[in-house]
Amino acid sequence: MKSIFPAICLFVVVVTAIRISAQVNPYKDGTPGVTGYRSEVLAEVMVQEDKFTRLAEAIPADKYNWRPSPDVRSFAEVFLHVSAANYNLYKLVGTPPPAGLDLKGLEKSTSDKAKVIATLKDSFAHATKAIRAMPDADLDKSLDWFGGKNTQRGILLFIVRHAAEHLGQSIAYARFVGVVPPWTEDAQKAQPEKKEAPAKPKQ
């Protein structure tokens, strides 16, 4: 029995290490074929895709219509709103959305978990394609933006910020319904159990 316990502990450590190493880490693994500023943007987009997808998979299907109040988006609508933005905003830097895709109706098109996740994944594939296709020479090109001007570099920054805002929103939603973000759960499992501090001797 004594010899089995260390083996079990080793197994748990190895499985945990495999789960953590499987997470997307473009800061370590790089963004092959993309360099400079576009590489930095793509790294953020890759991390966001990983977190959005894992969180969407962790949310129970019967919670996809859940919303904290009647006047805000549901889980499904938040995920599809981000998907629509991935398709719609990247046309500003040269990659139009697929022909025939109804972007105006996408947000409310479905609450089916499998369909929402598939749409989310496809939209991030579109985003990645757009970033890879964009010439570095276009980064400083100027265009009209909310009554003023912005560069395509700034548009990429806005897209990343927009998705980050909704990722935070989705995390808060998940906590409301009792779902711990998968990456947080991974980190918690990877931490060694904290030993209780010995009681201080009475003076």
N, C-alpha and C. Protein backbone atom coordinates (compact mmCIF):
# COMPACT_ATOMS: atom_id res chain seq x y z
N MET A 1 0.84 -1.22 0.00
CA MET A 1 0.00 0.00 0.00
C MET A 1 0.86 1.25 0.00
N LYS A 2 1.97 1.21 0.79
CA LYS A 2 2.86 2.37 0.86
C LYS A 2 3.48 2.69 -0.49
N SER A 3 3.75 1.63 -1.29
CA SER A 3 4.38 1.85 -2.59
C SER A 3 3.40 2.39 -3.61
N ILE A 4 2.08 2.17 -3.39
CA ILE A 4 1.06 2.64 -4.34
C ILE A 4 0.84 4.14 -4.20
N PHE A 5 0.86 4.66 -2.98
CA PHE A 5 0.56 6.07 -2.74
C PHE A 5 1.48 7.02 -3.51
N PRO A 6 2.83 6.82 -3.46
CA PRO A 6 3.70 7.71 -4.25
C PRO A 6 3.40 7.65 -5.74
N ALA A 7 3.01 6.46 -6.23
CA ALA A 7 2.70 6.32 -7.65
C ALA A 7 1.46 7.12 -8.02
N ILE A 8 0.46 7.08 -7.12
CA ILE A 8 -0.77 7.86 -7.36
C ILE A 8 -0.45 9.34 -7.38
N CYS A 9 0.35 9.79 -6.42
CA CYS A 9 0.74 11.21 -6.37
C CYS A 9 1.46 11.62 -7.64
N LEU A 10 2.36 10.77 -8.12
CA LEU A 10 3.10 11.07 -9.35
C LEU A 10 2.15 11.17 -10.53
N PHE A 11 1.17 10.27 -10.58
CA PHE A 11 0.18 10.28 -11.67
C PHE A 11 -0.59 11.59 -11.69
N VAL A 12 -1.05 12.04 -10.51
CA VAL A 12 -1.80 13.29 -10.41
C VAL A 12 -0.97 14.47 -10.87
N VAL A 13 0.30 14.50 -10.46
CA VAL A 13 1.19 15.59 -10.86
C VAL A 13 1.39 15.60 -12.37
N VAL A 14 1.60 14.43 -12.95
CA VAL A 14 1.83 14.33 -14.40
C VAL A 14 0.61 14.77 -15.18
N VAL A 15 -0.60 14.30 -14.75
CA VAL A 15 -1.84 14.66 -15.45
C VAL A 15 -2.07 16.16 -15.39
N THR A 16 -1.83 16.76 -14.21
CA THR A 16 -2.00 18.20 -14.05
C THR A 16 -1.03 18.95 -14.95
N ALA A 17 0.22 18.48 -15.00
CA ALA A 17 1.23 19.14 -15.84
C ALA A 17 0.84 19.08 -17.31
N ILE A 18 0.27 17.93 -17.72
CA ILE A 18 -0.15 17.79 -19.12
C ILE A 18 -1.27 18.77 -19.43
N ARG A 19 -2.24 18.92 -18.51
CA ARG A 19 -3.36 19.83 -18.73
C ARG A 19 -2.89 21.27 -18.85
N ILE A 20 -1.95 21.65 -17.99
CA ILE A 20 -1.46 23.02 -18.01
C ILE A 20 -0.65 23.30 -19.27
N SER A 21 0.19 22.31 -19.65
CA SER A 21 1.03 22.51 -20.84
C SER A 21 0.20 22.55 -22.11
N ALA A 22 -1.03 21.98 -22.04
CA ALA A 22 -1.89 21.98 -23.23
C ALA A 22 -2.54 23.34 -23.48
N GLN A 23 -2.49 24.22 -22.49
CA GLN A 23 -3.06 25.54 -22.67
C GLN A 23 -2.26 26.33 -23.71
N VAL A 24 -2.96 27.22 -24.38
CA VAL A 24 -2.31 28.04 -25.41
C VAL A 24 -1.34 29.02 -24.75
N ASN A 25 -0.12 29.07 -25.25
CA ASN A 25 0.88 30.01 -24.72
C ASN A 25 1.72 30.58 -25.86
N PRO A 26 1.16 31.55 -26.61
CA PRO A 26 1.91 32.12 -27.74
C PRO A 26 3.14 32.91 -27.31
N TYR A 27 3.19 33.33 -26.05
CA TYR A 27 4.35 34.08 -25.57
C TYR A 27 5.56 33.16 -25.46
N LYS A 28 5.30 31.88 -25.27
CA LYS A 28 6.37 30.88 -25.22
C LYS A 28 6.56 30.21 -26.59
N ASP A 29 5.43 29.83 -27.20
CA ASP A 29 5.49 29.06 -28.44
C ASP A 29 5.58 29.92 -29.70
N GLY A 30 5.29 31.22 -29.56
CA GLY A 30 5.40 32.13 -30.69
C GLY A 30 4.18 32.12 -31.59
N THR A 31 4.24 32.94 -32.63
CA THR A 31 3.18 33.05 -33.63
C THR A 31 3.85 32.88 -35.00
N PRO A 32 4.10 31.65 -35.40
CA PRO A 32 4.83 31.37 -36.65
C PRO A 32 4.26 32.12 -37.85
N GLY A 33 5.15 32.76 -38.59
CA GLY A 33 4.73 33.47 -39.80
C GLY A 33 4.30 34.90 -39.58
N VAL A 34 4.19 35.32 -38.33
CA VAL A 34 3.77 36.69 -38.03
C VAL A 34 4.77 37.29 -37.05
N THR A 35 5.23 38.50 -37.35
CA THR A 35 6.22 39.16 -36.50
C THR A 35 5.76 40.57 -36.13
N GLY A 36 6.53 41.21 -35.27
CA GLY A 36 6.28 42.60 -34.94
C GLY A 36 4.95 42.82 -34.22
N TYR A 37 4.34 43.95 -34.50
CA TYR A 37 3.10 44.32 -33.82
C TYR A 37 1.98 43.32 -34.08
N ARG A 38 1.88 42.83 -35.31
CA ARG A 38 0.83 41.86 -35.63
C ARG A 38 1.00 40.59 -34.80
N SER A 39 2.23 40.21 -34.51
CA SER A 39 2.49 39.05 -33.67
C SER A 39 1.98 39.28 -32.25
N GLU A 40 2.17 40.48 -31.74
CA GLU A 40 1.71 40.81 -30.40
C GLU A 40 0.18 40.78 -30.32
N VAL A 41 -0.46 41.29 -31.36
CA VAL A 41 -1.93 41.27 -31.41
C VAL A 41 -2.42 39.83 -31.53
N LEU A 42 -1.79 39.05 -32.41
CA LEU A 42 -2.21 37.67 -32.61
C LEU A 42 -2.06 36.86 -31.33
N ALA A 43 -1.00 37.12 -30.58
CA ALA A 43 -0.81 36.40 -29.31
C ALA A 43 -1.99 36.64 -28.38
N GLU A 44 -2.43 37.90 -28.29
CA GLU A 44 -3.57 38.22 -27.43
C GLU A 44 -4.85 37.55 -27.94
N VAL A 45 -5.04 37.57 -29.25
CA VAL A 45 -6.22 36.96 -29.84
C VAL A 45 -6.23 35.45 -29.60
N MET A 46 -5.08 34.82 -29.69
CA MET A 46 -4.98 33.37 -29.45
C MET A 46 -5.34 33.03 -28.01
N VAL A 47 -4.88 33.83 -27.07
CA VAL A 47 -5.21 33.60 -25.66
C VAL A 47 -6.70 33.82 -25.43
N GLN A 48 -7.25 34.87 -26.03
CA GLN A 48 -8.68 35.13 -25.88
C GLN A 48 -9.51 34.00 -26.47
N GLU A 49 -9.10 33.52 -27.62
CA GLU A 49 -9.83 32.40 -28.23
C GLU A 49 -9.83 31.19 -27.30
N ASP A 50 -8.67 30.87 -26.74
CA ASP A 50 -8.56 29.73 -25.84
C ASP A 50 -9.48 29.89 -24.63
N LYS A 51 -9.48 31.08 -24.03
CA LYS A 51 -10.28 31.31 -22.83
C LYS A 51 -11.78 31.35 -23.15
N PHE A 52 -12.15 32.03 -24.21
CA PHE A 52 -13.56 32.07 -24.59
C PHE A 52 -14.08 30.65 -24.88
N THR A 53 -13.31 29.89 -25.62
CA THR A 53 -13.74 28.54 -26.00
C THR A 53 -13.86 27.63 -24.79
N ARG A 54 -12.86 27.66 -23.94
CA ARG A 54 -12.89 26.79 -22.75
C ARG A 54 -14.01 27.19 -21.80
N LEU A 55 -14.25 28.49 -21.67
CA LEU A 55 -15.33 28.94 -20.81
C LEU A 55 -16.68 28.56 -21.40
N ALA A 56 -16.84 28.74 -22.69
CA ALA A 56 -18.09 28.37 -23.36
C ALA A 56 -18.37 26.87 -23.21
N GLU A 57 -17.33 26.07 -23.27
CA GLU A 57 -17.49 24.63 -23.10
C GLU A 57 -17.85 24.26 -21.66
N ALA A 58 -17.39 25.06 -20.70
CA ALA A 58 -17.64 24.77 -19.29
C ALA A 58 -19.05 25.17 -18.84
N ILE A 59 -19.68 26.09 -19.56
CA ILE A 59 -21.02 26.55 -19.18
C ILE A 59 -22.04 25.47 -19.55
N PRO A 60 -22.88 25.05 -18.62
CA PRO A 60 -23.91 24.05 -18.95
C PRO A 60 -24.84 24.56 -20.05
N ALA A 61 -25.28 23.65 -20.89
CA ALA A 61 -26.14 24.03 -22.03
C ALA A 61 -27.41 24.73 -21.57
N ASP A 62 -27.95 24.31 -20.41
CA ASP A 62 -29.19 24.91 -19.96
C ASP A 62 -29.01 26.31 -19.38
N LYS A 63 -27.77 26.79 -19.33
CA LYS A 63 -27.50 28.14 -18.83
C LYS A 63 -27.23 29.13 -19.97
N TYR A 64 -27.28 28.67 -21.20
CA TYR A 64 -26.93 29.55 -22.32
C TYR A 64 -27.91 30.70 -22.52
N ASN A 65 -29.12 30.56 -21.99
CA ASN A 65 -30.09 31.66 -22.05
C ASN A 65 -30.10 32.49 -20.77
N TRP A 66 -29.23 32.14 -19.83
CA TRP A 66 -29.20 32.86 -18.56
C TRP A 66 -28.60 34.25 -18.74
N ARG A 67 -29.16 35.23 -18.03
CA ARG A 67 -28.64 36.59 -18.02
C ARG A 67 -28.89 37.17 -16.63
N PRO A 68 -28.00 38.03 -16.12
CA PRO A 68 -28.17 38.54 -14.76
C PRO A 68 -29.34 39.50 -14.60
N SER A 69 -29.80 40.11 -15.69
CA SER A 69 -30.99 40.96 -15.65
C SER A 69 -31.58 41.00 -17.06
N PRO A 70 -32.86 41.36 -17.18
CA PRO A 70 -33.53 41.29 -18.48
C PRO A 70 -32.94 42.18 -19.56
N ASP A 71 -32.24 43.25 -19.18
CA ASP A 71 -31.79 44.23 -20.16
C ASP A 71 -30.34 44.02 -20.62
N VAL A 72 -29.76 42.88 -20.31
CA VAL A 72 -28.38 42.61 -20.75
C VAL A 72 -28.32 41.30 -21.53
N ARG A 73 -27.20 41.05 -22.17
CA ARG A 73 -27.04 39.86 -23.01
C ARG A 73 -26.98 38.59 -22.17
N SER A 74 -27.44 37.51 -22.76
CA SER A 74 -27.31 36.19 -22.16
C SER A 74 -25.92 35.64 -22.46
N PHE A 75 -25.60 34.47 -21.91
CA PHE A 75 -24.33 33.81 -22.24
C PHE A 75 -24.20 33.66 -23.75
N ALA A 76 -25.22 33.08 -24.37
CA ALA A 76 -25.16 32.84 -25.81
C ALA A 76 -24.97 34.13 -26.58
N GLU A 77 -25.68 35.17 -26.18
CA GLU A 77 -25.60 36.45 -26.89
C GLU A 77 -24.24 37.11 -26.73
N VAL A 78 -23.62 36.98 -25.57
CA VAL A 78 -22.27 37.53 -25.39
C VAL A 78 -21.29 36.82 -26.31
N PHE A 79 -21.33 35.49 -26.32
CA PHE A 79 -20.40 34.73 -27.17
C PHE A 79 -20.62 35.04 -28.65
N LEU A 80 -21.88 35.18 -29.04
CA LEU A 80 -22.18 35.46 -30.45
C LEU A 80 -21.90 36.92 -30.80
N HIS A 81 -22.02 37.81 -29.83
CA HIS A 81 -21.64 39.22 -30.05
C HIS A 81 -20.14 39.32 -30.34
N VAL A 82 -19.35 38.60 -29.59
CA VAL A 82 -17.90 38.57 -29.84
C VAL A 82 -17.62 37.96 -31.20
N SER A 83 -18.35 36.92 -31.55
CA SER A 83 -18.18 36.29 -32.86
C SER A 83 -18.49 37.27 -33.98
N ALA A 84 -19.59 38.01 -33.84
CA ALA A 84 -19.98 38.99 -34.86
C ALA A 84 -18.91 40.07 -35.00
N ALA A 85 -18.34 40.49 -33.87
CA ALA A 85 -17.28 41.51 -33.91
C ALA A 85 -16.05 40.97 -34.63
N ASN A 86 -15.71 39.71 -34.39
CA ASN A 86 -14.56 39.12 -35.07
C ASN A 86 -14.75 39.13 -36.59
N TYR A 87 -15.96 38.92 -37.02
CA TYR A 87 -16.24 38.96 -38.45
C TYR A 87 -16.34 40.39 -38.97
N ASN A 88 -16.99 41.25 -38.22
CA ASN A 88 -17.33 42.58 -38.71
C ASN A 88 -16.16 43.56 -38.65
N LEU A 89 -15.40 43.56 -37.55
CA LEU A 89 -14.37 44.57 -37.36
C LEU A 89 -13.12 44.33 -38.22
N TYR A 90 -12.83 43.08 -38.50
CA TYR A 90 -11.61 42.81 -39.28
C TYR A 90 -11.75 43.22 -40.74
N LYS A 91 -12.97 43.52 -41.18
CA LYS A 91 -13.11 44.04 -42.55
C LYS A 91 -12.45 45.42 -42.64
N LEU A 92 -12.32 46.11 -41.50
CA LEU A 92 -11.68 47.43 -41.50
C LEU A 92 -10.18 47.35 -41.76
N VAL A 93 -9.61 46.16 -41.57
CA VAL A 93 -8.17 46.00 -41.85
C VAL A 93 -7.95 45.07 -43.04
N GLY A 94 -9.00 44.90 -43.86
CA GLY A 94 -8.80 44.25 -45.15
C GLY A 94 -9.38 42.88 -45.36
N THR A 95 -10.00 42.28 -44.34
CA THR A 95 -10.57 40.94 -44.52
C THR A 95 -12.07 40.98 -44.27
N PRO A 96 -12.87 40.95 -45.33
CA PRO A 96 -14.33 41.01 -45.17
C PRO A 96 -14.88 39.71 -44.60
N PRO A 97 -16.06 39.74 -44.00
CA PRO A 97 -16.68 38.51 -43.49
C PRO A 97 -17.09 37.60 -44.63
N PRO A 98 -17.31 36.33 -44.34
CA PRO A 98 -17.76 35.41 -45.40
C PRO A 98 -19.05 35.89 -46.04
N ALA A 99 -19.18 35.68 -47.32
CA ALA A 99 -20.38 36.09 -48.05
C ALA A 99 -21.60 35.35 -47.51
N GLY A 100 -22.70 36.10 -47.36
CA GLY A 100 -23.95 35.49 -46.93
C GLY A 100 -24.13 35.37 -45.44
N LEU A 101 -23.13 35.78 -44.65
CA LEU A 101 -23.24 35.69 -43.19
C LEU A 101 -24.06 36.87 -42.67
N ASP A 102 -25.13 36.58 -41.95
CA ASP A 102 -26.00 37.62 -41.41
C ASP A 102 -25.43 38.11 -40.08
N LEU A 103 -24.62 39.15 -40.13
CA LEU A 103 -23.98 39.67 -38.92
C LEU A 103 -24.96 40.38 -38.01
N LYS A 104 -25.95 41.05 -38.59
CA LYS A 104 -26.92 41.77 -37.77
C LYS A 104 -27.76 40.82 -36.92
N GLY A 105 -28.05 39.66 -37.46
CA GLY A 105 -28.89 38.71 -36.73
C GLY A 105 -28.11 37.64 -35.99
N LEU A 106 -26.79 37.67 -36.09
CA LEU A 106 -25.97 36.59 -35.53
C LEU A 106 -26.11 36.49 -34.01
N GLU A 107 -26.14 37.63 -33.35
CA GLU A 107 -26.14 37.65 -31.88
C GLU A 107 -27.32 36.90 -31.28
N LYS A 108 -28.45 36.95 -31.95
CA LYS A 108 -29.66 36.31 -31.43
C LYS A 108 -30.06 35.10 -32.27
N SER A 109 -29.13 34.56 -33.04
CA SER A 109 -29.46 33.50 -34.00
C SER A 109 -29.68 32.14 -33.35
N THR A 110 -29.06 31.88 -32.22
CA THR A 110 -29.21 30.58 -31.57
C THR A 110 -28.74 30.66 -30.11
N SER A 111 -29.26 29.73 -29.32
CA SER A 111 -28.74 29.56 -27.97
C SER A 111 -28.29 28.11 -27.78
N ASP A 112 -28.21 27.38 -28.87
CA ASP A 112 -27.73 26.00 -28.83
C ASP A 112 -26.23 26.00 -28.55
N LYS A 113 -25.83 25.32 -27.49
CA LYS A 113 -24.44 25.36 -27.05
C LYS A 113 -23.47 24.95 -28.15
N ALA A 114 -23.71 23.85 -28.80
CA ALA A 114 -22.80 23.35 -29.83
C ALA A 114 -22.65 24.35 -30.98
N LYS A 115 -23.78 24.94 -31.39
CA LYS A 115 -23.74 25.91 -32.49
C LYS A 115 -23.01 27.19 -32.09
N VAL A 116 -23.24 27.64 -30.86
CA VAL A 116 -22.57 28.85 -30.37
C VAL A 116 -21.06 28.64 -30.34
N ILE A 117 -20.63 27.51 -29.81
CA ILE A 117 -19.19 27.23 -29.72
C ILE A 117 -18.57 27.12 -31.11
N ALA A 118 -19.27 26.46 -32.03
CA ALA A 118 -18.76 26.34 -33.40
C ALA A 118 -18.61 27.71 -34.06
N THR A 119 -19.60 28.58 -33.84
CA THR A 119 -19.55 29.93 -34.40
C THR A 119 -18.40 30.72 -33.79
N LEU A 120 -18.22 30.59 -32.49
CA LEU A 120 -17.13 31.28 -31.79
C LEU A 120 -15.78 30.85 -32.35
N LYS A 121 -15.58 29.54 -32.51
CA LYS A 121 -14.31 29.03 -33.05
C LYS A 121 -14.08 29.51 -34.48
N ASP A 122 -15.12 29.46 -35.30
CA ASP A 122 -14.98 29.90 -36.69
C ASP A 122 -14.62 31.38 -36.77
N SER A 123 -15.21 32.18 -35.86
CA SER A 123 -14.95 33.62 -35.89
C SER A 123 -13.51 33.93 -35.50
N PHE A 124 -12.96 33.18 -34.56
CA PHE A 124 -11.57 33.40 -34.18
C PHE A 124 -10.61 32.91 -35.26
N ALA A 125 -11.02 31.87 -35.99
CA ALA A 125 -10.21 31.43 -37.14
C ALA A 125 -10.18 32.54 -38.19
N HIS A 126 -11.32 33.21 -38.37
CA HIS A 126 -11.40 34.35 -39.29
C HIS A 126 -10.50 35.48 -38.82
N ALA A 127 -10.51 35.76 -37.51
CA ALA A 127 -9.66 36.82 -36.95
C ALA A 127 -8.19 36.52 -37.18
N THR A 128 -7.80 35.28 -36.92
CA THR A 128 -6.41 34.88 -37.11
C THR A 128 -5.99 35.03 -38.57
N LYS A 129 -6.87 34.61 -39.46
CA LYS A 129 -6.61 34.74 -40.90
C LYS A 129 -6.42 36.20 -41.29
N ALA A 130 -7.25 37.08 -40.73
CA ALA A 130 -7.19 38.51 -41.05
C ALA A 130 -5.87 39.13 -40.58
N ILE A 131 -5.46 38.77 -39.39
CA ILE A 131 -4.20 39.32 -38.85
C ILE A 131 -3.01 38.84 -39.67
N ARG A 132 -3.04 37.57 -40.05
CA ARG A 132 -1.94 37.01 -40.85
C ARG A 132 -1.88 37.63 -42.25
N ALA A 133 -3.05 37.98 -42.79
CA ALA A 133 -3.11 38.50 -44.16
C ALA A 133 -2.77 39.98 -44.25
N MET A 134 -2.82 40.67 -43.14
CA MET A 134 -2.64 42.13 -43.14
C MET A 134 -1.17 42.51 -43.33
N PRO A 135 -0.85 43.32 -44.32
CA PRO A 135 0.54 43.76 -44.50
C PRO A 135 0.96 44.73 -43.39
N ASP A 136 2.19 44.63 -42.94
CA ASP A 136 2.70 45.56 -41.93
C ASP A 136 2.62 47.01 -42.42
N ALA A 137 2.76 47.18 -43.72
CA ALA A 137 2.74 48.54 -44.29
C ALA A 137 1.39 49.23 -44.09
N ASP A 138 0.32 48.43 -43.82
CA ASP A 138 -1.01 49.01 -43.65
C ASP A 138 -1.28 49.48 -42.21
N LEU A 139 -0.40 49.13 -41.29
CA LEU A 139 -0.66 49.41 -39.88
C LEU A 139 -0.88 50.89 -39.59
N ASP A 140 -0.18 51.74 -40.30
CA ASP A 140 -0.28 53.18 -40.03
C ASP A 140 -1.25 53.89 -40.98
N LYS A 141 -1.97 53.13 -41.77
CA LYS A 141 -2.98 53.75 -42.63
C LYS A 141 -4.11 54.31 -41.77
N SER A 142 -4.58 55.50 -42.14
CA SER A 142 -5.60 56.18 -41.36
C SER A 142 -7.00 55.96 -41.96
N LEU A 143 -8.01 55.92 -41.09
CA LEU A 143 -9.38 55.82 -41.55
C LEU A 143 -10.30 56.54 -40.58
N ASP A 144 -11.50 56.85 -41.04
CA ASP A 144 -12.48 57.53 -40.18
C ASP A 144 -12.90 56.61 -39.05
N TRP A 145 -13.07 57.18 -37.84
CA TRP A 145 -13.35 56.34 -36.68
C TRP A 145 -14.08 57.15 -35.62
N PHE A 146 -15.37 56.85 -35.40
CA PHE A 146 -16.17 57.51 -34.37
C PHE A 146 -16.06 59.04 -34.43
N GLY A 147 -16.19 59.60 -35.60
CA GLY A 147 -16.15 61.04 -35.76
C GLY A 147 -14.76 61.63 -35.81
N GLY A 148 -13.74 60.78 -35.73
CA GLY A 148 -12.36 61.25 -35.79
C GLY A 148 -11.55 60.35 -36.71
N LYS A 149 -10.30 60.13 -36.35
CA LYS A 149 -9.40 59.31 -37.15
C LYS A 149 -8.73 58.25 -36.27
N ASN A 150 -8.39 57.15 -36.88
CA ASN A 150 -7.63 56.10 -36.21
C ASN A 150 -6.80 55.39 -37.26
N THR A 151 -5.77 54.69 -36.82
CA THR A 151 -4.98 53.89 -37.75
C THR A 151 -5.44 52.44 -37.68
N GLN A 152 -5.03 51.66 -38.65
CA GLN A 152 -5.36 50.24 -38.60
C GLN A 152 -4.68 49.57 -37.40
N ARG A 153 -3.54 50.08 -37.01
CA ARG A 153 -2.88 49.61 -35.78
C ARG A 153 -3.83 49.81 -34.58
N GLY A 154 -4.44 50.99 -34.54
CA GLY A 154 -5.37 51.30 -33.46
C GLY A 154 -6.63 50.46 -33.52
N ILE A 155 -7.06 50.12 -34.73
CA ILE A 155 -8.25 49.27 -34.89
C ILE A 155 -7.98 47.89 -34.28
N LEU A 156 -6.81 47.34 -34.53
CA LEU A 156 -6.46 46.04 -33.95
C LEU A 156 -6.46 46.11 -32.43
N LEU A 157 -5.94 47.21 -31.91
CA LEU A 157 -5.92 47.40 -30.46
C LEU A 157 -7.36 47.46 -29.92
N PHE A 158 -8.23 48.16 -30.62
CA PHE A 158 -9.63 48.26 -30.20
C PHE A 158 -10.29 46.88 -30.20
N ILE A 159 -10.04 46.08 -31.24
CA ILE A 159 -10.66 44.76 -31.35
C ILE A 159 -10.26 43.89 -30.16
N VAL A 160 -8.97 43.92 -29.81
CA VAL A 160 -8.49 43.13 -28.68
C VAL A 160 -9.14 43.61 -27.38
N ARG A 161 -9.22 44.94 -27.21
CA ARG A 161 -9.83 45.50 -25.99
C ARG A 161 -11.30 45.13 -25.90
N HIS A 162 -12.00 45.20 -27.02
CA HIS A 162 -13.42 44.87 -27.05
C HIS A 162 -13.65 43.43 -26.59
N ALA A 163 -12.87 42.52 -27.13
CA ALA A 163 -13.03 41.11 -26.76
C ALA A 163 -12.69 40.89 -25.29
N ALA A 164 -11.65 41.60 -24.81
CA ALA A 164 -11.25 41.46 -23.41
C ALA A 164 -12.37 41.90 -22.47
N GLU A 165 -13.07 42.97 -22.83
CA GLU A 165 -14.19 43.45 -22.01
C GLU A 165 -15.26 42.37 -21.88
N HIS A 166 -15.56 41.72 -23.00
CA HIS A 166 -16.62 40.70 -22.98
C HIS A 166 -16.13 39.39 -22.36
N LEU A 167 -14.83 39.13 -22.40
CA LEU A 167 -14.31 37.98 -21.68
C LEU A 167 -14.51 38.18 -20.18
N GLY A 168 -14.20 39.38 -19.70
CA GLY A 168 -14.43 39.69 -18.28
C GLY A 168 -15.90 39.56 -17.92
N GLN A 169 -16.77 40.03 -18.81
CA GLN A 169 -18.21 39.90 -18.59
C GLN A 169 -18.60 38.43 -18.48
N SER A 170 -18.07 37.61 -19.37
CA SER A 170 -18.40 36.18 -19.39
C SER A 170 -17.90 35.48 -18.13
N ILE A 171 -16.73 35.89 -17.64
CA ILE A 171 -16.19 35.31 -16.41
C ILE A 171 -17.09 35.64 -15.23
N ALA A 172 -17.55 36.89 -15.17
CA ALA A 172 -18.46 37.29 -14.10
C ALA A 172 -19.77 36.49 -14.18
N TYR A 173 -20.31 36.32 -15.38
CA TYR A 173 -21.51 35.51 -15.57
C TYR A 173 -21.27 34.09 -15.04
N ALA A 174 -20.13 33.52 -15.42
CA ALA A 174 -19.82 32.14 -15.03
C ALA A 174 -19.80 32.00 -13.51
N ARG A 175 -19.19 32.96 -12.84
CA ARG A 175 -19.13 32.93 -11.38
C ARG A 175 -20.54 32.99 -10.77
N PHE A 176 -21.41 33.78 -11.40
CA PHE A 176 -22.79 33.90 -10.92
C PHE A 176 -23.50 32.55 -10.90
N VAL A 177 -23.22 31.72 -11.92
CA VAL A 177 -23.92 30.42 -12.02
C VAL A 177 -23.09 29.28 -11.45
N GLY A 178 -22.01 29.62 -10.76
CA GLY A 178 -21.23 28.61 -10.06
C GLY A 178 -20.19 27.89 -10.89
N VAL A 179 -19.80 28.47 -12.02
CA VAL A 179 -18.77 27.86 -12.87
C VAL A 179 -17.44 28.58 -12.65
N VAL A 180 -16.43 27.82 -12.26
CA VAL A 180 -15.09 28.37 -12.10
C VAL A 180 -14.42 28.35 -13.47
N PRO A 181 -13.83 29.47 -13.93
CA PRO A 181 -13.13 29.45 -15.21
C PRO A 181 -12.11 28.31 -15.26
N PRO A 182 -12.08 27.53 -16.34
CA PRO A 182 -11.23 26.34 -16.40
C PRO A 182 -9.75 26.61 -16.12
N TRP A 183 -9.23 27.77 -16.59
CA TRP A 183 -7.82 28.07 -16.36
C TRP A 183 -7.54 28.36 -14.88
N THR A 184 -8.53 28.93 -14.19
CA THR A 184 -8.40 29.15 -12.74
C THR A 184 -8.41 27.81 -12.01
N GLU A 185 -9.28 26.93 -12.46
CA GLU A 185 -9.37 25.59 -11.87
C GLU A 185 -8.05 24.85 -12.06
N ASP A 186 -7.45 24.98 -13.25
CA ASP A 186 -6.16 24.35 -13.52
C ASP A 186 -5.09 24.86 -12.57
N ALA A 187 -5.06 26.19 -12.39
CA ALA A 187 -4.05 26.80 -11.52
C ALA A 187 -4.23 26.36 -10.07
N GLN A 188 -5.48 26.26 -9.66
CA GLN A 188 -5.75 25.83 -8.29
C GLN A 188 -5.31 24.39 -8.06
N LYS A 189 -5.54 23.54 -9.04
CA LYS A 189 -5.15 22.14 -8.91
C LYS A 189 -3.64 21.96 -8.93
N ALA A 190 -2.95 22.91 -9.60
CA ALA A 190 -1.50 22.83 -9.71
C ALA A 190 -0.78 23.27 -8.45
N GLN A 191 -1.48 24.03 -7.59
CA GLN A 191 -0.86 24.52 -6.37
C GLN A 191 -0.75 23.40 -5.34
N PRO A 192 0.42 23.31 -4.66
CA PRO A 192 0.54 22.31 -3.59
C PRO A 192 -0.38 22.67 -2.44
N GLU A 193 -0.88 21.67 -1.76
CA GLU A 193 -1.77 21.92 -0.64
C GLU A 193 -1.04 22.71 0.43
N LYS A 194 -1.72 23.76 0.91
CA LYS A 194 -1.12 24.60 1.93
C LYS A 194 -1.19 23.91 3.28
N LYS A 195 -0.04 23.83 3.93
CA LYS A 195 0.00 23.21 5.24
C LYS A 195 -0.38 24.25 6.31
N GLU A 196 -1.09 23.78 7.29
CA GLU A 196 -1.48 24.68 8.36
C GLU A 196 -0.26 25.11 9.15
N ALA A 197 -0.19 26.39 9.43
CA ALA A 197 0.94 26.91 10.18
C ALA A 197 0.90 26.36 11.60
N PRO A 198 2.05 25.98 12.17
CA PRO A 198 2.06 25.46 13.55
C PRO A 198 1.61 26.52 14.52
N ALA A 199 0.91 26.09 15.52
CA ALA A 199 0.41 27.02 16.53
C ALA A 199 1.57 27.66 17.29
N LYS A 200 1.44 28.96 17.51
CA LYS A 200 2.48 29.67 18.23
C LYS A 200 2.43 29.29 19.71
N PRO A 201 3.60 29.06 20.29
CA PRO A 201 3.61 28.70 21.73
C PRO A 201 3.12 29.88 22.56
N LYS A 202 2.39 29.56 23.60
CA LYS A 202 1.88 30.60 24.48
C LYS A 202 3.02 31.23 25.25
N GLN A 203 2.96 32.56 25.35
CA GLN A 203 4.02 33.30 26.05
C GLN A 203 3.86 33.12 27.56
